[in-house]
Structures are given as structure tokens and as C-alpha cells.
Amino acid sequence: MQDTKYLEILKAPVITEKSAKIAEKGDKIVFKVRNDANKVQIKQAIERIFNVKVVKVNTINVKPKYKRVGRYAGTTSRYKKAIVTLAE
């Protein structure tokens, strides 16, 4: 039952050109995580779920952006992004 707590912290991997370039260069992975998760919780979740050793966790709060589709206007949802550095 402990792993369900860790699964709730990680939402999804971030699949963009920039995150692919980061992953291609070395030992880093980019995840979308819960807004209230801290670096220690993210580190524990990734180590427990993927059985890897995490060296460092950097977090970024991504702000919502204003978007328009025809006459409808709104904002994208905000989220927290974590860039995780793995050990060799």
C-alpha cells in the first residue's frame, strides 16, 4: 500500500523537445508532479517506483498561460515540473 502514496506524487513524464534533449545528454528525466510535493518526496517516490538512485532534484513551478480558441478564452492549468538527476 505504500507505493500508492508514491504513485500519487508523480503525475506523468514531460515529453517535449527540450526534455528529450535533456534526457539525451545524460542521466536526467523530467516529470510532472503534484503541486504540493517537495524535493524529498519526489526523490523518495522515484527511488521507490523505478529502483534507481537519485542524486539531485530540481523543481519548477510552471505558470498558466493565456490561450484563445476562436471567441473562447482561458488559461492552461499550472503544474510543477521536476528535473531528476540519476546516479550512473
PDB file of N, CA and C in Angstrom:
ATOM      1  N   MET A   1       0.813  -1.198   0.000  1.00  0.00           N
ATOM      2  CA  MET A   1       0.000   0.000   0.000  1.00  0.00           C
ATOM      3  C   MET A   1       0.860   1.267   0.000  1.00  0.00           C
ATOM      4  N   GLN A   2       2.099   1.156   0.428  1.00  0.00           N
ATOM      5  CA  GLN A   2       2.969   2.320   0.464  1.00  0.00           C
ATOM      6  C   GLN A   2       3.220   2.890  -0.928  1.00  0.00           C
ATOM      7  N   ASP A   3       3.283   2.039  -1.951  1.00  0.00           N
ATOM      8  CA  ASP A   3       3.612   2.503  -3.290  1.00  0.00           C
ATOM      9  C   ASP A   3       2.510   3.368  -3.889  1.00  0.00           C
ATOM     10  N   THR A   4       1.256   3.204  -3.461  1.00  0.00           N
ATOM     11  CA  THR A   4       0.197   4.059  -3.990  1.00  0.00           C
ATOM     12  C   THR A   4       0.410   5.509  -3.570  1.00  0.00           C
ATOM     13  N   LYS A   5       0.981   5.716  -2.393  1.00  0.00           N
ATOM     14  CA  LYS A   5       1.299   7.073  -1.941  1.00  0.00           C
ATOM     15  C   LYS A   5       2.337   7.700  -2.870  1.00  0.00           C
ATOM     16  N   TYR A   6       3.323   6.902  -3.277  1.00  0.00           N
ATOM     17  CA  TYR A   6       4.373   7.407  -4.159  1.00  0.00           C
ATOM     18  C   TYR A   6       3.861   7.611  -5.583  1.00  0.00           C
ATOM     19  N   LEU A   7       2.940   6.767  -6.020  1.00  0.00           N
ATOM     20  CA  LEU A   7       2.382   6.908  -7.363  1.00  0.00           C
ATOM     21  C   LEU A   7       1.551   8.177  -7.504  1.00  0.00           C
ATOM     22  N   GLU A   8       0.973   8.653  -6.401  1.00  0.00           N
ATOM     23  CA  GLU A   8       0.173   9.872  -6.449  1.00  0.00           C
ATOM     24  C   GLU A   8       1.045  11.120  -6.609  1.00  0.00           C
ATOM     25  N   ILE A   9       2.292  11.058  -6.199  1.00  0.00           N
ATOM     26  CA  ILE A   9       3.184  12.210  -6.313  1.00  0.00           C
ATOM     27  C   ILE A   9       3.561  12.458  -7.770  1.00  0.00           C
ATOM     28  N   LEU A  10       3.898  11.403  -8.512  1.00  0.00           N
ATOM     29  CA  LEU A  10       4.264  11.540  -9.919  1.00  0.00           C
ATOM     30  C   LEU A  10       3.010  11.494 -10.776  1.00  0.00           C
ATOM     31  N   LYS A  11       2.814  12.504 -11.614  1.00  0.00           N
ATOM     32  CA  LYS A  11       1.643  12.522 -12.487  1.00  0.00           C
ATOM     33  C   LYS A  11       1.952  11.915 -13.847  1.00  0.00           C
ATOM     34  N   ALA A  12       2.995  12.415 -14.528  1.00  0.00           N
ATOM     35  CA  ALA A  12       3.305  11.944 -15.878  1.00  0.00           C
ATOM     36  C   ALA A  12       4.705  12.418 -16.259  1.00  0.00           C
ATOM     37  N   PRO A  13       5.345  11.732 -17.202  1.00  0.00           N
ATOM     38  CA  PRO A  13       6.599  12.263 -17.732  1.00  0.00           C
ATOM     39  C   PRO A  13       6.298  13.445 -18.657  1.00  0.00           C
ATOM     40  N   VAL A  14       7.219  14.378 -18.723  1.00  0.00           N
ATOM     41  CA  VAL A  14       7.064  15.522 -19.627  1.00  0.00           C
ATOM     42  C   VAL A  14       7.751  15.162 -20.933  1.00  0.00           C
ATOM     43  N   ILE A  15       6.971  15.108 -22.018  1.00  0.00           N
ATOM     44  CA  ILE A  15       7.502  14.722 -23.332  1.00  0.00           C
ATOM     45  C   ILE A  15       7.492  15.961 -24.224  1.00  0.00           C
ATOM     46  N   THR A  16       8.608  16.664 -24.264  1.00  0.00           N
ATOM     47  CA  THR A  16       8.769  17.817 -25.135  1.00  0.00           C
ATOM     48  C   THR A  16      10.139  17.723 -25.792  1.00  0.00           C
ATOM     49  N   GLU A  17      10.408  18.609 -26.732  1.00  0.00           N
ATOM     50  CA  GLU A  17      11.720  18.606 -27.378  1.00  0.00           C
ATOM     51  C   GLU A  17      12.816  18.917 -26.369  1.00  0.00           C
ATOM     52  N   LYS A  18      12.533  19.863 -25.478  1.00  0.00           N
ATOM     53  CA  LYS A  18      13.538  20.253 -24.502  1.00  0.00           C
ATOM     54  C   LYS A  18      13.824  19.125 -23.508  1.00  0.00           C
ATOM     55  N   SER A  19      12.777  18.448 -23.027  1.00  0.00           N
ATOM     56  CA  SER A  19      13.001  17.349 -22.079  1.00  0.00           C
ATOM     57  C   SER A  19      13.682  16.170 -22.765  1.00  0.00           C
ATOM     58  N   ALA A  20      13.409  15.953 -24.046  1.00  0.00           N
ATOM     59  CA  ALA A  20      14.092  14.887 -24.789  1.00  0.00           C
ATOM     60  C   ALA A  20      15.573  15.208 -24.951  1.00  0.00           C
ATOM     61  N   LYS A  21      15.882  16.479 -25.166  1.00  0.00           N
ATOM     62  CA  LYS A  21      17.279  16.899 -25.291  1.00  0.00           C
ATOM     63  C   LYS A  21      18.012  16.742 -23.968  1.00  0.00           C
ATOM     64  N   ILE A  22      17.320  17.058 -22.848  1.00  0.00           N
ATOM     65  CA  ILE A  22      17.909  16.886 -21.516  1.00  0.00           C
ATOM     66  C   ILE A  22      18.178  15.409 -21.247  1.00  0.00           C
ATOM     67  N   ALA A  23      17.220  14.556 -21.584  1.00  0.00           N
ATOM     68  CA  ALA A  23      17.376  13.121 -21.347  1.00  0.00           C
ATOM     69  C   ALA A  23      18.446  12.519 -22.248  1.00  0.00           C
ATOM     70  N   GLU A  24      18.565  13.033 -23.456  1.00  0.00           N
ATOM     71  CA  GLU A  24      19.550  12.514 -24.418  1.00  0.00           C
ATOM     72  C   GLU A  24      20.971  12.838 -23.991  1.00  0.00           C
ATOM     73  N   LYS A  25      21.166  14.029 -23.399  1.00  0.00           N
ATOM     74  CA  LYS A  25      22.506  14.447 -22.991  1.00  0.00           C
ATOM     75  C   LYS A  25      23.076  13.564 -21.894  1.00  0.00           C
ATOM     76  N   GLY A  26      22.239  13.177 -20.957  1.00  0.00           N
ATOM     77  CA  GLY A  26      22.803  12.452 -19.828  1.00  0.00           C
ATOM     78  C   GLY A  26      21.772  11.683 -19.048  1.00  0.00           C
ATOM     79  N   ASP A  27      21.913  11.761 -17.756  1.00  0.00           N
ATOM     80  CA  ASP A  27      21.144  10.926 -16.849  1.00  0.00           C
ATOM     81  C   ASP A  27      20.043  11.715 -16.144  1.00  0.00           C
ATOM     82  N   LYS A  28      19.262  12.476 -16.910  1.00  0.00           N
ATOM     83  CA  LYS A  28      18.184  13.264 -16.319  1.00  0.00           C
ATOM     84  C   LYS A  28      16.839  12.873 -16.926  1.00  0.00           C
ATOM     85  N   ILE A  29      15.794  12.961 -16.094  1.00  0.00           N
ATOM     86  CA  ILE A  29      14.428  12.660 -16.519  1.00  0.00           C
ATOM     87  C   ILE A  29      13.545  13.799 -16.019  1.00  0.00           C
ATOM     88  N   VAL A  30      12.522  14.148 -16.802  1.00  0.00           N
ATOM     89  CA  VAL A  30      11.628  15.245 -16.429  1.00  0.00           C
ATOM     90  C   VAL A  30      10.234  14.672 -16.175  1.00  0.00           C
ATOM     91  N   PHE A  31       9.656  15.019 -15.014  1.00  0.00           N
ATOM     92  CA  PHE A  31       8.329  14.543 -14.628  1.00  0.00           C
ATOM     93  C   PHE A  31       7.426  15.717 -14.268  1.00  0.00           C
ATOM     94  N   LYS A  32       6.124  15.538 -14.492  1.00  0.00           N
ATOM     95  CA  LYS A  32       5.110  16.434 -13.970  1.00  0.00           C
ATOM     96  C   LYS A  32       4.708  15.841 -12.626  1.00  0.00           C
ATOM     97  N   VAL A  33       4.741  16.657 -11.564  1.00  0.00           N
ATOM     98  CA  VAL A  33       4.468  16.160 -10.217  1.00  0.00           C
ATOM     99  C   VAL A  33       3.362  16.990  -9.563  1.00  0.00           C
ATOM    100  N   ARG A  34       2.905  16.524  -8.403  1.00  0.00           N
ATOM    101  CA  ARG A  34       1.870  17.257  -7.660  1.00  0.00           C
ATOM    102  C   ARG A  34       2.395  18.625  -7.253  1.00  0.00           C
ATOM    103  N   ASN A  35       1.492  19.604  -7.182  1.00  0.00           N
ATOM    104  CA  ASN A  35       1.895  20.973  -6.842  1.00  0.00           C
ATOM    105  C   ASN A  35       2.416  21.101  -5.417  1.00  0.00           C
ATOM    106  N   ASP A  36       1.943  20.253  -4.504  1.00  0.00           N
ATOM    107  CA  ASP A  36       2.367  20.364  -3.112  1.00  0.00           C
ATOM    108  C   ASP A  36       3.508  19.419  -2.751  1.00  0.00           C
ATOM    109  N   ALA A  37       4.075  18.711  -3.718  1.00  0.00           N
ATOM    110  CA  ALA A  37       5.177  17.777  -3.447  1.00  0.00           C
ATOM    111  C   ALA A  37       6.489  18.546  -3.302  1.00  0.00           C
ATOM    112  N   ASN A  38       7.301  18.137  -2.321  1.00  0.00           N
ATOM    113  CA  ASN A  38       8.611  18.763  -2.173  1.00  0.00           C
ATOM    114  C   ASN A  38       9.687  17.846  -2.763  1.00  0.00           C
ATOM    115  N   LYS A  39      10.932  18.324  -2.748  1.00  0.00           N
ATOM    116  CA  LYS A  39      12.027  17.597  -3.394  1.00  0.00           C
ATOM    117  C   LYS A  39      12.292  16.246  -2.738  1.00  0.00           C
ATOM    118  N   VAL A  40      12.179  16.184  -1.422  1.00  0.00           N
ATOM    119  CA  VAL A  40      12.429  14.930  -0.700  1.00  0.00           C
ATOM    120  C   VAL A  40      11.379  13.885  -1.079  1.00  0.00           C
ATOM    121  N   GLN A  41      10.108  14.287  -1.133  1.00  0.00           N
ATOM    122  CA  GLN A  41       9.036  13.361  -1.507  1.00  0.00           C
ATOM    123  C   GLN A  41       9.214  12.871  -2.944  1.00  0.00           C
ATOM    124  N   ILE A  42       9.611  13.759  -3.852  1.00  0.00           N
ATOM    125  CA  ILE A  42       9.822  13.385  -5.252  1.00  0.00           C
ATOM    126  C   ILE A  42      10.968  12.389  -5.351  1.00  0.00           C
ATOM    127  N   LYS A  43      12.052  12.637  -4.629  1.00  0.00           N
ATOM    128  CA  LYS A  43      13.205  11.731  -4.631  1.00  0.00           C
ATOM    129  C   LYS A  43      12.816  10.351  -4.122  1.00  0.00           C
ATOM    130  N   GLN A  44      12.092  10.287  -3.006  1.00  0.00           N
ATOM    131  CA  GLN A  44      11.666   9.005  -2.447  1.00  0.00           C
ATOM    132  C   GLN A  44      10.746   8.263  -3.410  1.00  0.00           C
ATOM    133  N   ALA A  45       9.834   8.977  -4.060  1.00  0.00           N
ATOM    134  CA  ALA A  45       8.892   8.343  -4.979  1.00  0.00           C
ATOM    135  C   ALA A  45       9.609   7.734  -6.173  1.00  0.00           C
ATOM    136  N   ILE A  46      10.548   8.454  -6.764  1.00  0.00           N
ATOM    137  CA  ILE A  46      11.257   7.950  -7.945  1.00  0.00           C
ATOM    138  C   ILE A  46      12.158   6.783  -7.574  1.00  0.00           C
ATOM    139  N   GLU A  47      12.839   6.878  -6.426  1.00  0.00           N
ATOM    140  CA  GLU A  47      13.692   5.764  -5.999  1.00  0.00           C
ATOM    141  C   GLU A  47      12.870   4.512  -5.722  1.00  0.00           C
ATOM    142  N   ARG A  48      11.695   4.659  -5.115  1.00  0.00           N
ATOM    143  CA  ARG A  48      10.862   3.512  -4.759  1.00  0.00           C
ATOM    144  C   ARG A  48      10.200   2.886  -5.997  1.00  0.00           C
ATOM    145  N   ILE A  49       9.698   3.711  -6.907  1.00  0.00           N
ATOM    146  CA  ILE A  49       8.955   3.197  -8.059  1.00  0.00           C
ATOM    147  C   ILE A  49       9.881   2.588  -9.106  1.00  0.00           C
ATOM    148  N   PHE A  50      10.985   3.290  -9.440  1.00  0.00           N
ATOM    149  CA  PHE A  50      11.838   2.856 -10.544  1.00  0.00           C
ATOM    150  C   PHE A  50      13.100   2.112 -10.111  1.00  0.00           C
ATOM    151  N   ASN A  51      13.336   1.958  -8.814  1.00  0.00           N
ATOM    152  CA  ASN A  51      14.517   1.267  -8.285  1.00  0.00           C
ATOM    153  C   ASN A  51      15.822   1.838  -8.830  1.00  0.00           C
ATOM    154  N   VAL A  52      15.960   3.166  -8.744  1.00  0.00           N
ATOM    155  CA  VAL A  52      17.172   3.853  -9.169  1.00  0.00           C
ATOM    156  C   VAL A  52      17.652   4.739  -8.018  1.00  0.00           C
ATOM    157  N   LYS A  53      18.872   5.241  -8.138  1.00  0.00           N
ATOM    158  CA  LYS A  53      19.439   6.148  -7.141  1.00  0.00           C
ATOM    159  C   LYS A  53      19.367   7.570  -7.687  1.00  0.00           C
ATOM    160  N   VAL A  54      18.710   8.458  -6.948  1.00  0.00           N
ATOM    161  CA  VAL A  54      18.559   9.850  -7.348  1.00  0.00           C
ATOM    162  C   VAL A  54      19.637  10.689  -6.683  1.00  0.00           C
ATOM    163  N   VAL A  55      20.344  11.482  -7.482  1.00  0.00           N
ATOM    164  CA  VAL A  55      21.393  12.349  -6.969  1.00  0.00           C
ATOM    165  C   VAL A  55      20.835  13.724  -6.607  1.00  0.00           C
ATOM    166  N   LYS A  56      19.989  14.284  -7.496  1.00  0.00           N
ATOM    167  CA  LYS A  56      19.522  15.648  -7.306  1.00  0.00           C
ATOM    168  C   LYS A  56      18.140  15.815  -7.922  1.00  0.00           C
ATOM    169  N   VAL A  57      17.335  16.694  -7.332  1.00  0.00           N
ATOM    170  CA  VAL A  57      16.003  17.017  -7.850  1.00  0.00           C
ATOM    171  C   VAL A  57      15.874  18.533  -7.947  1.00  0.00           C
ATOM    172  N   ASN A  58      15.571  19.030  -9.137  1.00  0.00           N
ATOM    173  CA  ASN A  58      15.288  20.451  -9.344  1.00  0.00           C
ATOM    174  C   ASN A  58      13.812  20.589  -9.687  1.00  0.00           C
ATOM    175  N   THR A  59      13.130  21.554  -9.069  1.00  0.00           N
ATOM    176  CA  THR A  59      11.705  21.735  -9.331  1.00  0.00           C
ATOM    177  C   THR A  59      11.435  23.111  -9.924  1.00  0.00           C
ATOM    178  N   ILE A  60      10.396  23.163 -10.768  1.00  0.00           N
ATOM    179  CA  ILE A  60       9.990  24.390 -11.442  1.00  0.00           C
ATOM    180  C   ILE A  60       8.475  24.482 -11.360  1.00  0.00           C
ATOM    181  N   ASN A  61       7.955  25.634 -10.925  1.00  0.00           N
ATOM    182  CA  ASN A  61       6.517  25.876 -10.960  1.00  0.00           C
ATOM    183  C   ASN A  61       6.188  26.523 -12.300  1.00  0.00           C
ATOM    184  N   VAL A  62       5.441  25.814 -13.142  1.00  0.00           N
ATOM    185  CA  VAL A  62       5.071  26.314 -14.464  1.00  0.00           C
ATOM    186  C   VAL A  62       3.776  27.093 -14.325  1.00  0.00           C
ATOM    187  N   LYS A  63       3.816  28.363 -14.693  1.00  0.00           N
ATOM    188  CA  LYS A  63       2.659  29.242 -14.541  1.00  0.00           C
ATOM    189  C   LYS A  63       1.666  29.014 -15.680  1.00  0.00           C
ATOM    190  N   PRO A  64       0.383  29.298 -15.436  1.00  0.00           N
ATOM    191  CA  PRO A  64      -0.613  29.137 -16.504  1.00  0.00           C
ATOM    192  C   PRO A  64      -0.420  30.186 -17.595  1.00  0.00           C
ATOM    193  N   LYS A  65      -0.741  29.804 -18.839  1.00  0.00           N
ATOM    194  CA  LYS A  65      -0.625  30.718 -19.968  1.00  0.00           C
ATOM    195  C   LYS A  65      -2.011  31.040 -20.509  1.00  0.00           C
ATOM    196  N   TYR A  66      -2.182  32.252 -20.979  1.00  0.00           N
ATOM    197  CA  TYR A  66      -3.446  32.702 -21.543  1.00  0.00           C
ATOM    198  C   TYR A  66      -3.578  32.162 -22.958  1.00  0.00           C
ATOM    199  N   LYS A  67      -4.692  31.532 -23.284  1.00  0.00           N
ATOM    200  CA  LYS A  67      -4.924  30.949 -24.608  1.00  0.00           C
ATOM    201  C   LYS A  67      -6.291  31.356 -25.120  1.00  0.00           C
ATOM    202  N   ARG A  68      -6.402  31.442 -26.435  1.00  0.00           N
ATOM    203  CA  ARG A  68      -7.678  31.729 -27.096  1.00  0.00           C
ATOM    204  C   ARG A  68      -7.931  30.690 -28.161  1.00  0.00           C
ATOM    205  N   VAL A  69      -9.181  30.246 -28.249  1.00  0.00           N
ATOM    206  CA  VAL A  69      -9.613  29.382 -29.344  1.00  0.00           C
ATOM    207  C   VAL A  69     -10.890  30.018 -29.883  1.00  0.00           C
ATOM    208  N   GLY A  70     -10.748  30.749 -30.986  1.00  0.00           N
ATOM    209  CA  GLY A  70     -11.892  31.477 -31.522  1.00  0.00           C
ATOM    210  C   GLY A  70     -12.341  32.555 -30.555  1.00  0.00           C
ATOM    211  N   ARG A  71     -13.606  32.510 -30.170  1.00  0.00           N
ATOM    212  CA  ARG A  71     -14.112  33.521 -29.238  1.00  0.00           C
ATOM    213  C   ARG A  71     -13.966  33.102 -27.781  1.00  0.00           C
ATOM    214  N   TYR A  72     -13.502  31.895 -27.527  1.00  0.00           N
ATOM    215  CA  TYR A  72     -13.349  31.396 -26.166  1.00  0.00           C
ATOM    216  C   TYR A  72     -11.931  31.665 -25.668  1.00  0.00           C
ATOM    217  N   ALA A  73     -11.826  32.168 -24.456  1.00  0.00           N
ATOM    218  CA  ALA A  73     -10.529  32.484 -23.875  1.00  0.00           C
ATOM    219  C   ALA A  73     -10.412  31.811 -22.519  1.00  0.00           C
ATOM    220  N   GLY A  74      -9.206  31.486 -22.155  1.00  0.00           N
ATOM    221  CA  GLY A  74      -8.972  30.866 -20.858  1.00  0.00           C
ATOM    222  C   GLY A  74      -7.493  30.700 -20.620  1.00  0.00           C
ATOM    223  N   THR A  75      -7.163  29.943 -19.595  1.00  0.00           N
ATOM    224  CA  THR A  75      -5.762  29.705 -19.282  1.00  0.00           C
ATOM    225  C   THR A  75      -5.498  28.209 -19.209  1.00  0.00           C
ATOM    226  N   THR A  76      -4.251  27.847 -19.456  1.00  0.00           N
ATOM    227  CA  THR A  76      -3.841  26.466 -19.269  1.00  0.00           C
ATOM    228  C   THR A  76      -3.682  26.224 -17.773  1.00  0.00           C
ATOM    229  N   SER A  77      -3.646  24.979 -17.365  1.00  0.00           N
ATOM    230  CA  SER A  77      -3.514  24.687 -15.942  1.00  0.00           C
ATOM    231  C   SER A  77      -2.049  24.804 -15.516  1.00  0.00           C
ATOM    232  N   ARG A  78      -1.850  25.222 -14.279  1.00  0.00           N
ATOM    233  CA  ARG A  78      -0.491  25.318 -13.751  1.00  0.00           C
ATOM    234  C   ARG A  78      -0.073  23.944 -13.249  1.00  0.00           C
ATOM    235  N   TYR A  79       1.247  23.709 -13.215  1.00  0.00           N
ATOM    236  CA  TYR A  79       1.757  22.445 -12.706  1.00  0.00           C
ATOM    237  C   TYR A  79       3.189  22.621 -12.235  1.00  0.00           C
ATOM    238  N   LYS A  80       3.678  21.625 -11.521  1.00  0.00           N
ATOM    239  CA  LYS A  80       5.059  21.619 -11.053  1.00  0.00           C
ATOM    240  C   LYS A  80       5.813  20.590 -11.865  1.00  0.00           C
ATOM    241  N   LYS A  81       7.010  20.966 -12.286  1.00  0.00           N
ATOM    242  CA  LYS A  81       7.852  20.096 -13.094  1.00  0.00           C
ATOM    243  C   LYS A  81       9.098  19.773 -12.292  1.00  0.00           C
ATOM    244  N   ALA A  82       9.531  18.511 -12.318  1.00  0.00           N
ATOM    245  CA  ALA A  82      10.728  18.087 -11.590  1.00  0.00           C
ATOM    246  C   ALA A  82      11.745  17.521 -12.569  1.00  0.00           C
ATOM    247  N   ILE A  83      12.962  18.046 -12.539  1.00  0.00           N
ATOM    248  CA  ILE A  83      14.059  17.510 -13.335  1.00  0.00           C
ATOM    249  C   ILE A  83      14.922  16.698 -12.383  1.00  0.00           C
ATOM    250  N   VAL A  84      14.967  15.390 -12.617  1.00  0.00           N
ATOM    251  CA  VAL A  84      15.619  14.457 -11.699  1.00  0.00           C
ATOM    252  C   VAL A  84      16.926  13.973 -12.300  1.00  0.00           C
ATOM    253  N   THR A  85      18.015  14.130 -11.547  1.00  0.00           N
ATOM    254  CA  THR A  85      19.322  13.632 -11.962  1.00  0.00           C
ATOM    255  C   THR A  85      19.558  12.281 -11.308  1.00  0.00           C
ATOM    256  N   LEU A  86      19.865  11.279 -12.121  1.00  0.00           N
ATOM    257  CA  LEU A  86      20.070   9.907 -11.634  1.00  0.00           C
ATOM    258  C   LEU A  86      21.557   9.611 -11.500  1.00  0.00           C
ATOM    259  N   ALA A  87      21.900   8.690 -10.629  1.00  0.00           N
ATOM    260  CA  ALA A  87      23.286   8.238 -10.478  1.00  0.00           C
ATOM    261  C   ALA A  87      23.650   7.351 -11.655  1.00  0.00           C
ATOM    262  N   GLU A  88      24.942   7.214 -11.880  1.00  0.00           N
ATOM    263  CA  GLU A  88      25.425   6.393 -13.008  1.00  0.00           C
ATOM    264  C   GLU A  88      24.982   4.957 -12.917  1.00  0.00           C
TER     265      GLU A  88
END
